[in-house]
Amino acid sequence: MRQVGSKNDPIPCSSKTCGRNEPCNRFESAYKNFVSFLYASGDLPAKPSRTFRFLEGTRAHQRVQQHYQPDDQAEVHITYEFDDLNRRIMLSGRIDGLLVRDGKPIIEEIKSTSVHDLR
């Protein structure tokens, strides 16, 4: 993996908030891209998305989320920043649901499929 902003191989800053077009020690990524890179295997088809499938997925999310309890939250934006290997790393994204059960947070990620996807 290429090091971001190292002295031996400087590359421009990836930060949208930094705004500098010069080497720096900050790296930003969406959780989805980061996790897709880490777990780049599996059996979910990587077909081009179609509008009706997008709408089916949205409806599936809404069906699940309509049963949330009053303190549950849907479509929550999250950001996590930390320092690692002398650089600042920021991951951000959206989670489908943030539920609280017995005083403990539960992160819910909703996935849907259709009969057509299983053929």
N, C-alpha and C. Protein backbone atom coordinates (compact mmCIF):
# COMPACT_ATOMS: atom_id res chain seq x y z
N MET A 1 0.85 -1.18 0.00
CA MET A 1 0.00 0.00 0.00
C MET A 1 0.89 1.24 0.00
N ARG A 2 0.54 2.19 -0.80
CA ARG A 2 1.32 3.42 -0.91
C ARG A 2 1.11 4.30 0.30
N GLN A 3 2.18 4.82 0.85
CA GLN A 3 2.07 5.69 2.00
C GLN A 3 1.69 7.09 1.54
N VAL A 4 0.76 7.68 2.23
CA VAL A 4 0.29 9.02 1.89
C VAL A 4 1.14 10.06 2.58
N GLY A 5 1.72 10.95 1.79
CA GLY A 5 2.46 12.07 2.36
C GLY A 5 3.78 11.70 3.00
N SER A 6 4.37 10.56 2.63
CA SER A 6 5.66 10.20 3.20
C SER A 6 6.75 11.08 2.61
N LYS A 7 7.85 11.22 3.29
CA LYS A 7 8.95 12.06 2.81
C LYS A 7 9.58 11.49 1.55
N ASN A 8 9.57 10.15 1.42
CA ASN A 8 10.19 9.51 0.27
C ASN A 8 9.30 9.54 -0.97
N ASP A 9 8.02 9.63 -0.79
CA ASP A 9 7.08 9.58 -1.90
C ASP A 9 5.93 10.54 -1.66
N PRO A 10 6.21 11.85 -1.66
CA PRO A 10 5.15 12.79 -1.35
C PRO A 10 4.10 12.84 -2.45
N ILE A 11 2.83 12.90 -2.05
CA ILE A 11 1.73 13.07 -3.01
C ILE A 11 0.85 14.18 -2.48
N PRO A 12 0.03 14.79 -3.34
CA PRO A 12 -0.82 15.88 -2.86
C PRO A 12 -1.78 15.42 -1.77
N CYS A 13 -2.18 16.35 -0.96
CA CYS A 13 -3.10 16.09 0.14
C CYS A 13 -4.42 15.57 -0.40
N SER A 14 -4.98 14.54 0.26
CA SER A 14 -6.27 13.98 -0.15
C SER A 14 -7.43 14.64 0.57
N SER A 15 -7.14 15.53 1.48
CA SER A 15 -8.17 16.13 2.31
C SER A 15 -8.99 17.16 1.54
N LYS A 16 -10.32 17.05 1.65
CA LYS A 16 -11.19 18.05 1.04
C LYS A 16 -11.22 19.31 1.89
N THR A 17 -10.97 19.16 3.18
CA THR A 17 -11.05 20.31 4.07
C THR A 17 -9.73 21.07 4.13
N CYS A 18 -8.64 20.40 3.85
CA CYS A 18 -7.33 21.02 3.92
C CYS A 18 -7.16 22.04 2.80
N GLY A 19 -7.49 21.64 1.57
CA GLY A 19 -7.43 22.55 0.44
C GLY A 19 -6.04 22.79 -0.11
N ARG A 20 -5.05 22.12 0.42
CA ARG A 20 -3.69 22.32 -0.07
C ARG A 20 -3.40 21.34 -1.19
N ASN A 21 -2.70 21.77 -2.18
CA ASN A 21 -2.27 20.89 -3.25
C ASN A 21 -0.77 20.63 -3.10
N GLU A 22 -0.42 20.15 -1.93
CA GLU A 22 0.97 19.88 -1.62
C GLU A 22 1.01 18.68 -0.67
N PRO A 23 2.17 18.06 -0.53
CA PRO A 23 2.26 16.90 0.37
C PRO A 23 1.90 17.28 1.81
N CYS A 24 1.16 16.40 2.46
CA CYS A 24 0.85 16.60 3.87
C CYS A 24 0.59 15.24 4.51
N ASN A 25 0.35 15.23 5.77
CA ASN A 25 0.15 13.98 6.51
C ASN A 25 -1.31 13.75 6.86
N ARG A 26 -2.21 14.04 5.95
CA ARG A 26 -3.64 13.84 6.20
C ARG A 26 -4.21 12.97 5.09
N PHE A 27 -5.05 12.00 5.48
CA PHE A 27 -5.69 11.12 4.52
C PHE A 27 -7.16 11.03 4.86
N GLU A 28 -8.04 11.21 3.86
CA GLU A 28 -9.48 11.11 4.06
C GLU A 28 -10.05 10.07 3.12
N SER A 29 -11.03 9.32 3.62
CA SER A 29 -11.70 8.32 2.80
C SER A 29 -13.10 8.10 3.33
N ALA A 30 -14.00 7.74 2.44
CA ALA A 30 -15.34 7.32 2.87
C ALA A 30 -15.22 5.91 3.43
N TYR A 31 -15.98 5.62 4.48
CA TYR A 31 -15.96 4.27 5.06
C TYR A 31 -16.21 3.22 3.99
N LYS A 32 -17.19 3.49 3.12
CA LYS A 32 -17.57 2.52 2.10
C LYS A 32 -16.37 2.16 1.22
N ASN A 33 -15.62 3.15 0.78
CA ASN A 33 -14.44 2.88 -0.06
C ASN A 33 -13.36 2.15 0.72
N PHE A 34 -13.17 2.54 1.98
CA PHE A 34 -12.16 1.91 2.83
C PHE A 34 -12.49 0.44 3.08
N VAL A 35 -13.74 0.17 3.44
CA VAL A 35 -14.17 -1.21 3.72
C VAL A 35 -14.17 -2.04 2.43
N SER A 36 -14.59 -1.44 1.32
CA SER A 36 -14.56 -2.16 0.04
C SER A 36 -13.15 -2.59 -0.32
N PHE A 37 -12.18 -1.73 -0.03
CA PHE A 37 -10.78 -2.07 -0.28
C PHE A 37 -10.32 -3.21 0.63
N LEU A 38 -10.68 -3.14 1.92
CA LEU A 38 -10.25 -4.15 2.87
C LEU A 38 -10.87 -5.52 2.60
N TYR A 39 -12.13 -5.51 2.19
CA TYR A 39 -12.86 -6.76 1.99
C TYR A 39 -13.26 -6.91 0.51
N ALA A 40 -12.30 -6.81 -0.36
CA ALA A 40 -12.57 -6.85 -1.80
C ALA A 40 -12.76 -8.28 -2.30
N SER A 41 -13.67 -9.00 -1.67
CA SER A 41 -14.02 -10.34 -2.12
C SER A 41 -15.45 -10.62 -1.69
N GLY A 42 -16.00 -11.68 -2.21
CA GLY A 42 -17.37 -12.03 -1.83
C GLY A 42 -18.17 -12.41 -3.05
N ASP A 43 -19.46 -12.60 -2.85
CA ASP A 43 -20.29 -13.09 -3.94
C ASP A 43 -21.39 -12.13 -4.36
N LEU A 44 -21.34 -10.88 -3.91
CA LEU A 44 -22.32 -9.92 -4.37
C LEU A 44 -21.94 -9.46 -5.77
N PRO A 45 -22.89 -9.47 -6.71
CA PRO A 45 -22.55 -9.09 -8.08
C PRO A 45 -22.23 -7.61 -8.19
N ALA A 46 -21.24 -7.29 -9.00
CA ALA A 46 -20.85 -5.90 -9.22
C ALA A 46 -21.40 -5.45 -10.57
N LYS A 47 -22.72 -5.49 -10.70
CA LYS A 47 -23.38 -5.09 -11.94
C LYS A 47 -23.64 -3.59 -11.92
N PRO A 48 -23.72 -3.00 -13.10
CA PRO A 48 -24.07 -1.58 -13.14
C PRO A 48 -25.42 -1.35 -12.47
N SER A 49 -25.54 -0.29 -11.72
CA SER A 49 -26.79 -0.04 -11.00
C SER A 49 -27.86 0.46 -11.96
N ARG A 50 -29.07 0.08 -11.67
CA ARG A 50 -30.21 0.51 -12.46
C ARG A 50 -31.16 1.26 -11.54
N THR A 51 -31.88 2.19 -12.11
CA THR A 51 -32.76 3.05 -11.32
C THR A 51 -33.78 2.25 -10.53
N PHE A 52 -34.39 1.24 -11.16
CA PHE A 52 -35.43 0.49 -10.43
C PHE A 52 -34.83 -0.29 -9.26
N ARG A 53 -33.61 -0.77 -9.38
CA ARG A 53 -32.97 -1.47 -8.26
C ARG A 53 -32.65 -0.50 -7.14
N PHE A 54 -32.24 0.70 -7.51
CA PHE A 54 -31.99 1.73 -6.51
C PHE A 54 -33.28 2.02 -5.74
N LEU A 55 -34.38 2.17 -6.46
CA LEU A 55 -35.66 2.44 -5.80
C LEU A 55 -36.10 1.27 -4.94
N GLU A 56 -35.88 0.04 -5.40
CA GLU A 56 -36.22 -1.14 -4.59
C GLU A 56 -35.41 -1.14 -3.30
N GLY A 57 -34.13 -0.81 -3.39
CA GLY A 57 -33.28 -0.74 -2.20
C GLY A 57 -33.73 0.34 -1.23
N THR A 58 -34.12 1.48 -1.77
CA THR A 58 -34.62 2.58 -0.94
C THR A 58 -35.89 2.15 -0.21
N ARG A 59 -36.78 1.49 -0.93
CA ARG A 59 -38.03 1.03 -0.31
C ARG A 59 -37.75 -0.02 0.78
N ALA A 60 -36.78 -0.91 0.53
CA ALA A 60 -36.43 -1.91 1.53
C ALA A 60 -35.90 -1.23 2.79
N HIS A 61 -35.04 -0.22 2.63
CA HIS A 61 -34.54 0.54 3.78
C HIS A 61 -35.70 1.17 4.55
N GLN A 62 -36.62 1.78 3.82
CA GLN A 62 -37.74 2.45 4.48
C GLN A 62 -38.63 1.46 5.23
N ARG A 63 -38.83 0.26 4.66
CA ARG A 63 -39.65 -0.75 5.34
C ARG A 63 -39.00 -1.17 6.66
N VAL A 64 -37.70 -1.33 6.66
CA VAL A 64 -37.00 -1.72 7.89
C VAL A 64 -37.02 -0.56 8.88
N GLN A 65 -36.70 0.65 8.40
CA GLN A 65 -36.55 1.80 9.29
C GLN A 65 -37.88 2.27 9.87
N GLN A 66 -39.00 1.95 9.25
CA GLN A 66 -40.30 2.38 9.80
C GLN A 66 -40.64 1.65 11.10
N HIS A 67 -39.92 0.58 11.37
CA HIS A 67 -40.14 -0.17 12.61
C HIS A 67 -39.14 0.20 13.71
N TYR A 68 -38.36 1.24 13.47
CA TYR A 68 -37.41 1.68 14.49
C TYR A 68 -38.16 2.19 15.72
N GLN A 69 -37.52 2.05 16.86
CA GLN A 69 -38.06 2.57 18.11
C GLN A 69 -37.81 4.08 18.16
N PRO A 70 -38.51 4.80 19.05
CA PRO A 70 -38.41 6.27 19.07
C PRO A 70 -36.98 6.81 19.21
N ASP A 71 -36.12 6.14 19.95
CA ASP A 71 -34.75 6.66 20.13
C ASP A 71 -33.79 6.22 19.03
N ASP A 72 -34.22 5.37 18.13
CA ASP A 72 -33.36 4.93 17.03
C ASP A 72 -33.22 6.04 15.99
N GLN A 73 -32.11 6.02 15.27
CA GLN A 73 -31.86 7.03 14.25
C GLN A 73 -31.58 6.35 12.92
N ALA A 74 -32.11 6.91 11.84
CA ALA A 74 -31.88 6.39 10.49
C ALA A 74 -30.94 7.32 9.72
N GLU A 75 -30.12 6.73 8.85
CA GLU A 75 -29.24 7.50 7.95
C GLU A 75 -28.39 8.50 8.74
N VAL A 76 -27.50 7.99 9.57
CA VAL A 76 -26.68 8.82 10.45
C VAL A 76 -25.30 9.03 9.84
N HIS A 77 -24.91 10.31 9.68
CA HIS A 77 -23.57 10.63 9.18
C HIS A 77 -22.57 10.48 10.32
N ILE A 78 -21.47 9.79 10.05
CA ILE A 78 -20.45 9.60 11.08
C ILE A 78 -19.08 9.96 10.52
N THR A 79 -18.21 10.40 11.41
CA THR A 79 -16.82 10.73 11.06
C THR A 79 -15.94 10.25 12.20
N TYR A 80 -14.82 9.64 11.85
CA TYR A 80 -13.87 9.18 12.86
C TYR A 80 -12.48 9.60 12.42
N GLU A 81 -11.78 10.31 13.27
CA GLU A 81 -10.41 10.74 12.98
C GLU A 81 -9.47 10.12 13.98
N PHE A 82 -8.30 9.72 13.49
CA PHE A 82 -7.29 9.17 14.38
C PHE A 82 -5.91 9.36 13.76
N ASP A 83 -4.89 9.26 14.61
CA ASP A 83 -3.51 9.37 14.16
C ASP A 83 -2.91 7.98 14.06
N ASP A 84 -2.21 7.73 12.96
CA ASP A 84 -1.55 6.45 12.76
C ASP A 84 -0.35 6.66 11.85
N LEU A 85 0.78 6.10 12.21
CA LEU A 85 2.00 6.20 11.39
C LEU A 85 2.32 7.65 11.02
N ASN A 86 2.25 8.53 12.00
CA ASN A 86 2.59 9.94 11.82
C ASN A 86 1.74 10.67 10.81
N ARG A 87 0.50 10.24 10.66
CA ARG A 87 -0.41 10.99 9.78
C ARG A 87 -1.80 10.96 10.39
N ARG A 88 -2.59 11.93 10.03
CA ARG A 88 -3.96 12.04 10.50
C ARG A 88 -4.87 11.37 9.49
N ILE A 89 -5.72 10.45 9.94
CA ILE A 89 -6.61 9.72 9.05
C ILE A 89 -8.05 10.05 9.44
N MET A 90 -8.86 10.38 8.44
CA MET A 90 -10.27 10.68 8.69
C MET A 90 -11.12 9.78 7.80
N LEU A 91 -12.01 9.02 8.43
CA LEU A 91 -12.97 8.18 7.73
C LEU A 91 -14.35 8.77 7.98
N SER A 92 -15.17 8.82 6.94
CA SER A 92 -16.51 9.37 7.13
C SER A 92 -17.49 8.59 6.26
N GLY A 93 -18.74 8.66 6.62
CA GLY A 93 -19.75 7.97 5.85
C GLY A 93 -21.10 8.05 6.52
N ARG A 94 -22.00 7.18 6.07
CA ARG A 94 -23.36 7.16 6.60
C ARG A 94 -23.71 5.73 6.96
N ILE A 95 -24.34 5.57 8.12
CA ILE A 95 -24.81 4.24 8.51
C ILE A 95 -26.32 4.23 8.41
N ASP A 96 -26.86 3.07 8.07
CA ASP A 96 -28.30 2.97 7.83
C ASP A 96 -29.11 3.17 9.11
N GLY A 97 -28.61 2.66 10.22
CA GLY A 97 -29.35 2.80 11.46
C GLY A 97 -28.45 2.80 12.67
N LEU A 98 -28.77 3.64 13.63
CA LEU A 98 -28.09 3.64 14.92
C LEU A 98 -29.17 3.34 15.96
N LEU A 99 -29.12 2.12 16.48
CA LEU A 99 -30.13 1.64 17.41
C LEU A 99 -29.53 1.58 18.81
N VAL A 100 -30.37 1.68 19.80
CA VAL A 100 -29.93 1.54 21.19
C VAL A 100 -30.77 0.44 21.83
N ARG A 101 -30.09 -0.61 22.29
CA ARG A 101 -30.78 -1.72 22.96
C ARG A 101 -30.06 -1.99 24.28
N ASP A 102 -30.81 -1.98 25.36
CA ASP A 102 -30.25 -2.20 26.70
C ASP A 102 -29.10 -1.23 26.99
N GLY A 103 -29.24 0.01 26.51
CA GLY A 103 -28.23 1.03 26.75
C GLY A 103 -26.99 0.91 25.89
N LYS A 104 -26.96 -0.03 24.96
CA LYS A 104 -25.79 -0.25 24.11
C LYS A 104 -26.10 0.12 22.66
N PRO A 105 -25.17 0.83 21.99
CA PRO A 105 -25.42 1.20 20.59
C PRO A 105 -25.23 0.00 19.66
N ILE A 106 -26.08 -0.07 18.65
CA ILE A 106 -25.98 -1.09 17.62
C ILE A 106 -25.98 -0.37 16.28
N ILE A 107 -25.00 -0.65 15.46
CA ILE A 107 -24.93 -0.08 14.12
C ILE A 107 -25.58 -1.06 13.17
N GLU A 108 -26.58 -0.59 12.42
CA GLU A 108 -27.29 -1.47 11.49
C GLU A 108 -26.95 -1.07 10.06
N GLU A 109 -26.56 -2.05 9.27
CA GLU A 109 -26.32 -1.88 7.84
C GLU A 109 -27.33 -2.74 7.11
N ILE A 110 -28.19 -2.12 6.33
CA ILE A 110 -29.27 -2.82 5.64
C ILE A 110 -28.82 -3.18 4.23
N LYS A 111 -29.00 -4.43 3.86
CA LYS A 111 -28.71 -4.90 2.49
C LYS A 111 -29.97 -5.54 1.95
N SER A 112 -30.19 -5.38 0.68
CA SER A 112 -31.37 -5.99 0.07
C SER A 112 -30.98 -6.64 -1.26
N THR A 113 -31.81 -7.54 -1.70
CA THR A 113 -31.62 -8.19 -2.98
C THR A 113 -32.99 -8.52 -3.55
N SER A 114 -33.02 -8.96 -4.77
CA SER A 114 -34.30 -9.34 -5.37
C SER A 114 -34.14 -10.74 -5.95
N VAL A 115 -35.26 -11.35 -6.30
CA VAL A 115 -35.23 -12.69 -6.87
C VAL A 115 -34.39 -12.70 -8.15
N HIS A 116 -34.45 -11.60 -8.91
CA HIS A 116 -33.69 -11.50 -10.16
C HIS A 116 -32.19 -11.56 -9.89
N ASP A 117 -31.73 -11.04 -8.74
CA ASP A 117 -30.30 -11.05 -8.40
C ASP A 117 -29.80 -12.46 -8.09
N LEU A 118 -30.70 -13.33 -7.69
CA LEU A 118 -30.31 -14.67 -7.25
C LEU A 118 -30.22 -15.66 -8.42
N ARG A 119 -30.60 -15.28 -9.57
CA ARG A 119 -30.57 -16.19 -10.75
C ARG A 119 -29.23 -16.18 -11.42
